[in-house]
Amino acid sequence: MQTTVLKTHSVTKYFYDPVKFRVLNDINIEVFKGEFLTLVGKSGSGKSTLLYCLSTMDRDYEGSIEILGKNITGSSIDTLASIRNENIGFVFQFHYLLPEFTCLKNIMIPAMKLGRLSREEIEHKAMEKLRILGLEDQAQKPASKLSGGQQQRISIARALINDPAIIMCDEPTGNLDSKNSKIVFDIFRQLSSDFGQTIIAVTHDNDIADNSDRKIVLEDGNLLL
């Protein structure tokens, strides 16, 4: 039996500037543990807006969202921040690493912020993530000394450090060449199939979308089934 990690109930969202405009219309989706799900559609279709609602960073929507069976809609800012820290890892188009920090320290930051483990335990976990991603030998290098593809892999390791229920990605290969895009896709595929990691990714990359477990297509704020 599949385990549901995220579920939406009639999520609808409006923009109000310069006029009221519906950007998401009655979105109902269910995402399962270990699923690699992609959100696709033309620019302006609503896919990134939906991702930001799912990630709890956008609270201004109608309907409701459940994460791990708990309704998070209407929760306080502090509660949502806690949910993100514990349950969601983020990978963006740009890696947002601290260039003067080593790769290891960059990966450790979310776990240090969560504060549930000792520094030694966090460092051990960070090295484990580096091993999974084939970058153990880069641990002590400043992030600024890595290639773009390596930096994005470090950002994936950072997203994994707190063992989140879901990794949410916004155009994770949008700044990479085809070779590094394939490396990142293969990492997501491995995380999903071998480690049971749930991944939700917004992408314009048809190869990634077509080879994910499932793709959801949005058009003008509507799901195309």
C-alpha atoms as a PDB file:
ATOM      1  CA  MET A   1       0.000   0.000   0.000  1.00  0.00           C
ATOM      2  CA  GLN A   2       1.354   3.412  -0.988  1.00  0.00           C
ATOM      3  CA  THR A   3       1.954   6.016   1.692  1.00  0.00           C
ATOM      4  CA  THR A   4       0.660   9.510   0.963  1.00  0.00           C
ATOM      5  CA  VAL A   5       3.142  12.228   1.908  1.00  0.00           C
ATOM      6  CA  LEU A   6       1.338  15.227   0.396  1.00  0.00           C
ATOM      7  CA  LYS A   7      -2.242  15.895  -0.654  1.00  0.00           C
ATOM      8  CA  THR A   8      -4.102  18.976  -1.850  1.00  0.00           C
ATOM      9  CA  HIS A   9      -7.807  19.659  -1.610  1.00  0.00           C
ATOM     10  CA  SER A  10      -9.220  22.137  -4.162  1.00  0.00           C
ATOM     11  CA  VAL A  11      -6.271  24.516  -3.955  1.00  0.00           C
ATOM     12  CA  THR A  12      -7.127  27.778  -5.726  1.00  0.00           C
ATOM     13  CA  LYS A  13      -5.030  30.931  -5.804  1.00  0.00           C
ATOM     14  CA  TYR A  14      -5.509  34.461  -7.088  1.00  0.00           C
ATOM     15  CA  PHE A  15      -3.147  37.289  -7.914  1.00  0.00           C
ATOM     16  CA  TYR A  16      -4.541  40.772  -7.331  1.00  0.00           C
ATOM     17  CA  ASP A  17      -2.105  43.126  -9.066  1.00  0.00           C
ATOM     18  CA  PRO A  18      -3.002  44.869 -11.303  1.00  0.00           C
ATOM     19  CA  VAL A  19      -6.386  43.085 -11.342  1.00  0.00           C
ATOM     20  CA  LYS A  20      -7.787  39.947  -9.725  1.00  0.00           C
ATOM     21  CA  PHE A  21      -6.561  36.932 -11.691  1.00  0.00           C
ATOM     22  CA  ARG A  22      -6.944  33.230 -10.905  1.00  0.00           C
ATOM     23  CA  VAL A  23      -3.558  31.519 -11.259  1.00  0.00           C
ATOM     24  CA  LEU A  24      -4.492  28.108  -9.768  1.00  0.00           C
ATOM     25  CA  ASN A  25      -7.914  26.534 -10.176  1.00  0.00           C
ATOM     26  CA  ASP A  26      -9.192  23.693  -7.966  1.00  0.00           C
ATOM     27  CA  ILE A  27      -5.946  21.698  -7.788  1.00  0.00           C
ATOM     28  CA  ASN A  28      -6.317  18.186  -6.358  1.00  0.00           C
ATOM     29  CA  ILE A  29      -3.198  16.017  -6.308  1.00  0.00           C
ATOM     30  CA  GLU A  30      -1.798  13.233  -4.160  1.00  0.00           C
ATOM     31  CA  VAL A  31       1.918  12.453  -3.914  1.00  0.00           C
ATOM     32  CA  PHE A  32       3.273   9.175  -2.575  1.00  0.00           C
ATOM     33  CA  LYS A  33       6.407   8.185  -0.682  1.00  0.00           C
ATOM     34  CA  GLY A  34       9.298   7.466  -3.032  1.00  0.00           C
ATOM     35  CA  GLU A  35       7.594   9.072  -6.017  1.00  0.00           C
ATOM     36  CA  PHE A  36       9.530  11.267  -8.443  1.00  0.00           C
ATOM     37  CA  LEU A  37       6.868  13.706  -9.636  1.00  0.00           C
ATOM     38  CA  THR A  38       7.375  16.521 -12.136  1.00  0.00           C
ATOM     39  CA  LEU A  39       5.231  19.626 -12.684  1.00  0.00           C
ATOM     40  CA  VAL A  40       5.297  20.851 -16.263  1.00  0.00           C
ATOM     41  CA  GLY A  41       3.599  23.488 -18.388  1.00  0.00           C
ATOM     42  CA  LYS A  42       4.286  26.653 -20.301  1.00  0.00           C
ATOM     43  CA  SER A  43       5.565  29.802 -18.572  1.00  0.00           C
ATOM     44  CA  GLY A  44       2.672  31.315 -16.644  1.00  0.00           C
ATOM     45  CA  SER A  45       0.826  27.991 -16.323  1.00  0.00           C
ATOM     46  CA  GLY A  46       0.997  28.097 -12.519  1.00  0.00           C
ATOM     47  CA  LYS A  47       3.488  25.313 -11.853  1.00  0.00           C
ATOM     48  CA  SER A  48       5.981  27.369  -9.801  1.00  0.00           C
ATOM     49  CA  THR A  49       3.109  29.040  -7.929  1.00  0.00           C
ATOM     50  CA  LEU A  50       1.770  25.591  -7.052  1.00  0.00           C
ATOM     51  CA  LEU A  51       5.195  24.456  -5.855  1.00  0.00           C
ATOM     52  CA  TYR A  52       5.464  27.458  -3.542  1.00  0.00           C
ATOM     53  CA  CYS A  53       2.037  26.700  -2.084  1.00  0.00           C
ATOM     54  CA  LEU A  54       2.998  23.045  -1.580  1.00  0.00           C
ATOM     55  CA  SER A  55       6.261  24.089   0.071  1.00  0.00           C
ATOM     56  CA  THR A  56       4.369  26.231   2.667  1.00  0.00           C
ATOM     57  CA  MET A  57       6.232  29.365   1.543  1.00  0.00           C
ATOM     58  CA  ASP A  58       3.035  30.801   0.016  1.00  0.00           C
ATOM     59  CA  ARG A  59       0.124  30.781   2.475  1.00  0.00           C
ATOM     60  CA  ASP A  60      -2.337  32.890   0.470  1.00  0.00           C
ATOM     61  CA  TYR A  61      -4.549  30.302  -1.228  1.00  0.00           C
ATOM     62  CA  GLU A  62      -7.977  28.717  -0.917  1.00  0.00           C
ATOM     63  CA  GLY A  63      -8.467  25.027  -0.192  1.00  0.00           C
ATOM     64  CA  SER A  64      -6.079  22.996   1.954  1.00  0.00           C
ATOM     65  CA  ILE A  65      -2.802  21.074   1.873  1.00  0.00           C
ATOM     66  CA  GLU A  66      -1.800  18.053   3.948  1.00  0.00           C
ATOM     67  CA  ILE A  67       1.776  17.005   4.617  1.00  0.00           C
ATOM     68  CA  LEU A  68       2.269  13.568   6.203  1.00  0.00           C
ATOM     69  CA  GLY A  69      -1.456  13.420   6.924  1.00  0.00           C
ATOM     70  CA  LYS A  70      -1.573  16.733   8.779  1.00  0.00           C
ATOM     71  CA  ASN A  71      -3.452  19.759   7.486  1.00  0.00           C
ATOM     72  CA  ILE A  72      -0.911  22.579   7.422  1.00  0.00           C
ATOM     73  CA  THR A  73      -3.193  25.246   5.919  1.00  0.00           C
ATOM     74  CA  GLY A  74      -3.735  28.168   8.262  1.00  0.00           C
ATOM     75  CA  SER A  75      -0.757  27.276  10.469  1.00  0.00           C
ATOM     76  CA  SER A  76       1.320  30.083  11.939  1.00  0.00           C
ATOM     77  CA  ILE A  77       4.473  31.336  10.251  1.00  0.00           C
ATOM     78  CA  ASP A  78       6.596  29.729  12.972  1.00  0.00           C
ATOM     79  CA  THR A  79       4.806  26.384  12.637  1.00  0.00           C
ATOM     80  CA  LEU A  80       5.260  26.405   8.869  1.00  0.00           C
ATOM     81  CA  ALA A  81       8.947  27.261   9.264  1.00  0.00           C
ATOM     82  CA  SER A  82       9.303  24.248  11.559  1.00  0.00           C
ATOM     83  CA  ILE A  83       7.480  22.026   9.059  1.00  0.00           C
ATOM     84  CA  ARG A  84       9.834  23.172   6.290  1.00  0.00           C
ATOM     85  CA  ASN A  85      12.947  22.624   8.386  1.00  0.00           C
ATOM     86  CA  GLU A  86      11.909  19.104   9.364  1.00  0.00           C
ATOM     87  CA  ASN A  87      10.060  17.794   6.332  1.00  0.00           C
ATOM     88  CA  ILE A  88      11.056  19.672   3.161  1.00  0.00           C
ATOM     89  CA  GLY A  89      14.376  20.014   1.376  1.00  0.00           C
ATOM     90  CA  PHE A  90      14.789  22.600  -1.376  1.00  0.00           C
ATOM     91  CA  VAL A  91      16.776  22.584  -4.612  1.00  0.00           C
ATOM     92  CA  PHE A  92      16.555  25.660  -6.832  1.00  0.00           C
ATOM     93  CA  GLN A  93      17.856  26.610 -10.279  1.00  0.00           C
ATOM     94  CA  PHE A  94      20.702  28.470  -8.578  1.00  0.00           C
ATOM     95  CA  HIS A  95      22.498  26.642  -5.796  1.00  0.00           C
ATOM     96  CA  TYR A  96      22.644  29.497  -3.232  1.00  0.00           C
ATOM     97  CA  LEU A  97      25.731  28.061  -1.555  1.00  0.00           C
ATOM     98  CA  LEU A  98      27.888  30.245   0.669  1.00  0.00           C
ATOM     99  CA  PRO A  99      31.006  30.538  -1.506  1.00  0.00           C
ATOM    100  CA  GLU A 100      33.482  31.076   1.334  1.00  0.00           C
ATOM    101  CA  PHE A 101      32.243  28.006   3.258  1.00  0.00           C
ATOM    102  CA  THR A 102      33.506  24.512   2.508  1.00  0.00           C
ATOM    103  CA  CYS A 103      31.154  22.093   0.813  1.00  0.00           C
ATOM    104  CA  LEU A 104      30.818  20.179   4.078  1.00  0.00           C
ATOM    105  CA  LYS A 105      29.830  23.278   6.049  1.00  0.00           C
ATOM    106  CA  ASN A 106      27.292  24.312   3.405  1.00  0.00           C
ATOM    107  CA  ILE A 107      25.609  20.920   3.691  1.00  0.00           C
ATOM    108  CA  MET A 108      25.582  21.083   7.498  1.00  0.00           C
ATOM    109  CA  ILE A 109      23.769  24.438   7.740  1.00  0.00           C
ATOM    110  CA  PRO A 110      20.118  23.202   7.738  1.00  0.00           C
ATOM    111  CA  ALA A 111      20.896  20.526  10.341  1.00  0.00           C
ATOM    112  CA  MET A 112      22.730  23.024  12.545  1.00  0.00           C
ATOM    113  CA  LYS A 113      19.680  25.281  12.281  1.00  0.00           C
ATOM    114  CA  LEU A 114      17.329  22.419  13.214  1.00  0.00           C
ATOM    115  CA  GLY A 115      19.502  21.705  16.237  1.00  0.00           C
ATOM    116  CA  ARG A 116      18.547  18.100  16.884  1.00  0.00           C
ATOM    117  CA  LEU A 117      21.982  16.535  16.547  1.00  0.00           C
ATOM    118  CA  SER A 118      25.458  17.323  17.781  1.00  0.00           C
ATOM    119  CA  ARG A 119      27.939  18.959  15.440  1.00  0.00           C
ATOM    120  CA  GLU A 120      29.837  15.685  15.168  1.00  0.00           C
ATOM    121  CA  GLU A 121      26.681  13.777  14.226  1.00  0.00           C
ATOM    122  CA  ILE A 122      25.750  16.407  11.642  1.00  0.00           C
ATOM    123  CA  GLU A 123      29.220  16.297  10.117  1.00  0.00           C
ATOM    124  CA  HIS A 124      28.997  12.504   9.887  1.00  0.00           C
ATOM    125  CA  LYS A 125      25.605  12.751   8.145  1.00  0.00           C
ATOM    126  CA  ALA A 126      26.905  15.409   5.770  1.00  0.00           C
ATOM    127  CA  MET A 127      29.780  13.125   4.757  1.00  0.00           C
ATOM    128  CA  GLU A 128      27.279  10.319   4.141  1.00  0.00           C
ATOM    129  CA  LYS A 129      25.329  12.560   1.766  1.00  0.00           C
ATOM    130  CA  LEU A 130      28.540  13.530  -0.021  1.00  0.00           C
ATOM    131  CA  ARG A 131      29.362   9.838  -0.482  1.00  0.00           C
ATOM    132  CA  ILE A 132      25.925   9.159  -1.982  1.00  0.00           C
ATOM    133  CA  LEU A 133      26.484  11.980  -4.474  1.00  0.00           C
ATOM    134  CA  GLY A 134      30.056  10.985  -5.298  1.00  0.00           C
ATOM    135  CA  LEU A 135      31.619  14.165  -3.899  1.00  0.00           C
ATOM    136  CA  GLU A 136      33.283  12.929  -0.722  1.00  0.00           C
ATOM    137  CA  ASP A 137      36.661  14.123  -1.982  1.00  0.00           C
ATOM    138  CA  GLN A 138      35.331  17.694  -2.320  1.00  0.00           C
ATOM    139  CA  ALA A 139      34.254  18.032   1.329  1.00  0.00           C
ATOM    140  CA  GLN A 140      36.881  20.547   2.406  1.00  0.00           C
ATOM    141  CA  LYS A 141      36.934  22.624  -0.763  1.00  0.00           C
ATOM    142  CA  PRO A 142      35.326  26.080  -0.742  1.00  0.00           C
ATOM    143  CA  ALA A 143      32.045  25.902  -2.643  1.00  0.00           C
ATOM    144  CA  SER A 144      33.312  28.615  -4.991  1.00  0.00           C
ATOM    145  CA  LYS A 145      36.017  26.244  -6.299  1.00  0.00           C
ATOM    146  CA  LEU A 146      33.542  23.685  -7.668  1.00  0.00           C
ATOM    147  CA  SER A 147      31.995  23.519 -11.132  1.00  0.00           C
ATOM    148  CA  GLY A 148      28.357  24.468 -11.620  1.00  0.00           C
ATOM    149  CA  GLY A 149      27.290  20.839 -11.797  1.00  0.00           C
ATOM    150  CA  GLN A 150      29.185  19.978  -8.613  1.00  0.00           C
ATOM    151  CA  GLN A 151      27.699  22.966  -6.813  1.00  0.00           C
ATOM    152  CA  GLN A 152      24.196  21.806  -7.708  1.00  0.00           C
ATOM    153  CA  ARG A 153      25.003  18.340  -6.351  1.00  0.00           C
ATOM    154  CA  ILE A 154      26.183  19.963  -3.123  1.00  0.00           C
ATOM    155  CA  SER A 155      22.843  21.801  -2.936  1.00  0.00           C
ATOM    156  CA  ILE A 156      21.081  18.429  -3.281  1.00  0.00           C
ATOM    157  CA  ALA A 157      23.172  17.037  -0.416  1.00  0.00           C
ATOM    158  CA  ARG A 158      22.193  20.096   1.640  1.00  0.00           C
ATOM    159  CA  ALA A 159      18.519  19.421   0.865  1.00  0.00           C
ATOM    160  CA  LEU A 160      18.949  15.840   2.095  1.00  0.00           C
ATOM    161  CA  ILE A 161      20.727  16.558   5.376  1.00  0.00           C
ATOM    162  CA  ASN A 162      17.610  16.598   7.593  1.00  0.00           C
ATOM    163  CA  ASP A 163      16.172  13.471   5.925  1.00  0.00           C
ATOM    164  CA  PRO A 164      13.115  15.374   4.659  1.00  0.00           C
ATOM    165  CA  ALA A 165       9.882  13.672   3.656  1.00  0.00           C
ATOM    166  CA  ILE A 166       9.918  15.632   0.391  1.00  0.00           C
ATOM    167  CA  ILE A 167      12.502  17.362  -1.767  1.00  0.00           C
ATOM    168  CA  MET A 168      10.976  20.215  -3.756  1.00  0.00           C
ATOM    169  CA  CYS A 169      12.848  21.502  -6.785  1.00  0.00           C
ATOM    170  CA  ASP A 170      12.295  24.587  -8.921  1.00  0.00           C
ATOM    171  CA  GLU A 171      14.033  24.146 -12.291  1.00  0.00           C
ATOM    172  CA  PRO A 172      16.933  22.181 -10.734  1.00  0.00           C
ATOM    173  CA  THR A 173      18.669  21.710 -14.093  1.00  0.00           C
ATOM    174  CA  GLY A 174      17.747  25.092 -15.575  1.00  0.00           C
ATOM    175  CA  ASN A 175      21.275  26.448 -15.152  1.00  0.00           C
ATOM    176  CA  LEU A 176      23.128  23.298 -16.245  1.00  0.00           C
ATOM    177  CA  ASP A 177      24.366  21.867 -19.535  1.00  0.00           C
ATOM    178  CA  SER A 178      22.965  18.587 -20.841  1.00  0.00           C
ATOM    179  CA  LYS A 179      25.716  16.447 -19.285  1.00  0.00           C
ATOM    180  CA  ASN A 180      25.223  17.858 -15.795  1.00  0.00           C
ATOM    181  CA  SER A 181      21.449  17.840 -16.218  1.00  0.00           C
ATOM    182  CA  LYS A 182      21.626  14.090 -16.794  1.00  0.00           C
ATOM    183  CA  ILE A 183      23.820  13.663 -13.710  1.00  0.00           C
ATOM    184  CA  VAL A 184      21.275  15.538 -11.581  1.00  0.00           C
ATOM    185  CA  PHE A 185      18.408  13.516 -13.072  1.00  0.00           C
ATOM    186  CA  ASP A 186      20.237  10.253 -12.346  1.00  0.00           C
ATOM    187  CA  ILE A 187      20.738  11.396  -8.741  1.00  0.00           C
ATOM    188  CA  PHE A 188      17.027  12.105  -8.337  1.00  0.00           C
ATOM    189  CA  ARG A 189      16.194   8.759  -9.933  1.00  0.00           C
ATOM    190  CA  GLN A 190      18.528   6.972  -7.488  1.00  0.00           C
ATOM    191  CA  LEU A 191      17.218   8.867  -4.471  1.00  0.00           C
ATOM    192  CA  SER A 192      13.672   7.933  -5.409  1.00  0.00           C
ATOM    193  CA  SER A 193      14.189   4.283  -6.353  1.00  0.00           C
ATOM    194  CA  ASP A 194      16.958   3.274  -3.932  1.00  0.00           C
ATOM    195  CA  PHE A 195      16.262   5.472  -0.912  1.00  0.00           C
ATOM    196  CA  GLY A 196      12.477   6.016  -1.130  1.00  0.00           C
ATOM    197  CA  GLN A 197      12.897   9.791  -1.348  1.00  0.00           C
ATOM    198  CA  THR A 198       9.845  11.723  -2.536  1.00  0.00           C
ATOM    199  CA  ILE A 199      10.731  14.403  -5.090  1.00  0.00           C
ATOM    200  CA  ILE A 200       8.514  17.094  -6.604  1.00  0.00           C
ATOM    201  CA  ALA A 201      10.210  19.079  -9.365  1.00  0.00           C
ATOM    202  CA  VAL A 202       9.094  21.948 -11.579  1.00  0.00           C
ATOM    203  CA  THR A 203      10.917  21.588 -14.875  1.00  0.00           C
ATOM    204  CA  HIS A 204      11.007  22.691 -18.500  1.00  0.00           C
ATOM    205  CA  ASP A 205      13.275  19.740 -19.316  1.00  0.00           C
ATOM    206  CA  ASN A 206      11.175  17.254 -21.288  1.00  0.00           C
ATOM    207  CA  ASP A 207      13.699  14.451 -20.801  1.00  0.00           C
ATOM    208  CA  ILE A 208      13.430  14.758 -17.033  1.00  0.00           C
ATOM    209  CA  ALA A 209       9.634  15.033 -17.080  1.00  0.00           C
ATOM    210  CA  ASP A 210       9.152  12.115 -19.463  1.00  0.00           C
ATOM    211  CA  ASN A 211      11.404   9.859 -17.389  1.00  0.00           C
ATOM    212  CA  SER A 212      10.028  10.768 -13.959  1.00  0.00           C
ATOM    213  CA  ASP A 213       7.507   8.455 -12.295  1.00  0.00           C
ATOM    214  CA  ARG A 214       4.651  10.803 -13.108  1.00  0.00           C
ATOM    215  CA  LYS A 215       4.231  14.225 -14.640  1.00  0.00           C
ATOM    216  CA  ILE A 216       1.452  16.674 -13.907  1.00  0.00           C
ATOM    217  CA  VAL A 217       0.698  19.154 -16.660  1.00  0.00           C
ATOM    218  CA  LEU A 218      -0.711  22.588 -15.848  1.00  0.00           C
ATOM    219  CA  GLU A 219      -2.268  24.978 -18.320  1.00  0.00           C
ATOM    220  CA  ASP A 220      -3.689  28.360 -17.299  1.00  0.00           C
ATOM    221  CA  GLY A 221      -3.845  27.210 -13.678  1.00  0.00           C
ATOM    222  CA  ASN A 222      -5.715  23.988 -14.448  1.00  0.00           C
ATOM    223  CA  LEU A 223      -4.563  20.383 -14.249  1.00  0.00           C
ATOM    224  CA  LEU A 224      -4.616  18.595 -17.600  1.00  0.00           C
ATOM    225  CA  LEU A 225      -5.362  14.937 -16.916  1.00  0.00           C
END
